[in-house]
Amino acid sequence: MKTADKGTVVVDGQAVTITNPEKLLWPELKLTKLDYLQKLVFLAPYLLTYCQNRYLTTIRYPNGIHGKSFYQKNAPEPVPYYVRTAELGGIQYVVADSAPTLLWLGNLACLEFHPSFHRVGEELPAEWLIDIDPSLDVEPRIMTAVSLIGEALDRMKIRAVPKTSGATGVQLFVPIKHGYTFADLRGLGEFLGKYLVKQHPKLFTIERFKKNRGELIYVDYLQHWYGKTLSSPYTPRARAAASVSTPLLWSEVEAGVDPRDYNLLTIEARLRQHGDLITKLPPQSLDHVLSFIK
């Protein structure tokens, strides 16, 4: 790719127009749009796993992470012929199911990718996600909290993969067999959240409003719902560290890793070493827990 004001790059047989490749997107790390697009090419097989056949919301930063940003739900015009879209609730969403689509979005300075919890044309959840949201911007207890949640899930015979959000939080990603409803999983999440609050009242809360949480860590079981979104595994985030939402080993959680260590500069080496940790965990039945809490 030439570093002129405008050019094209061919990916998977599709010519994608690239503009302003030298524009700084993450100035602290001197990462340009060209750098970002090269990272997206590597991340594509991993990121697409969780964005394909989903309704995609992106966050755009036309002038880099410190400039103005906005959520993009409706597909930005003009839409190239190779980009698939799907309608939901009167909104024409982009469906990111190819590397050229990711690069087209990257060229538009879409720095974050937030897919729906359900697939296009379906109403049932594709997986279960529990969002662990600290009330403090810097929360040294976050990995301790995630480890305690992992222990609770183990006792429920539910296996999960923790992943950094890429921002301040952590999510628990639970691959599930198809057929459960969002209401099923919300009930299970509420059960888990109340249990954690009872066992660790000085650490956890299920209080929805941040102003009422104090310094407690929020177990958000409400976000996982039809039509809502959460940061995809392997999405970059518009943070100074160029952090990437990254699945973790439980041993890393117990060691208290810093989510900022997983970023656009380190993600390639990590994926070459570990691969996608989520795909190594097969879909599981939740019948035994749902029948118990009902």
Foldseek 3Di string as FASTA:
>chain_A
DDQDQWDWDADPNDTAIAGNQCQQAQVLVSQGLVNVLVLLLLCVVVQLVFQAQFFKKFKADQRHLPHDIDIDRADDPPDDPVWDWADDPNGTGTRPNDSSVVSNVSSRRRQFIWTAQDGGPDQAGQWAKKKKAWLDQDDLCQLVLVLVLQVVCVVLVFDWWWKALLGRIIMTIGGADPDDHLVLQLLVLVVSQVVCCVVCVPAEDCDPDSVPQPGHIHGDSPQRHGPHTGTTQQRFDRDSLSFGTHTDDNVCSVVRDDSSVHHSVCPSVVCVVPNHPVVVDHHYYSVVVSVVSD
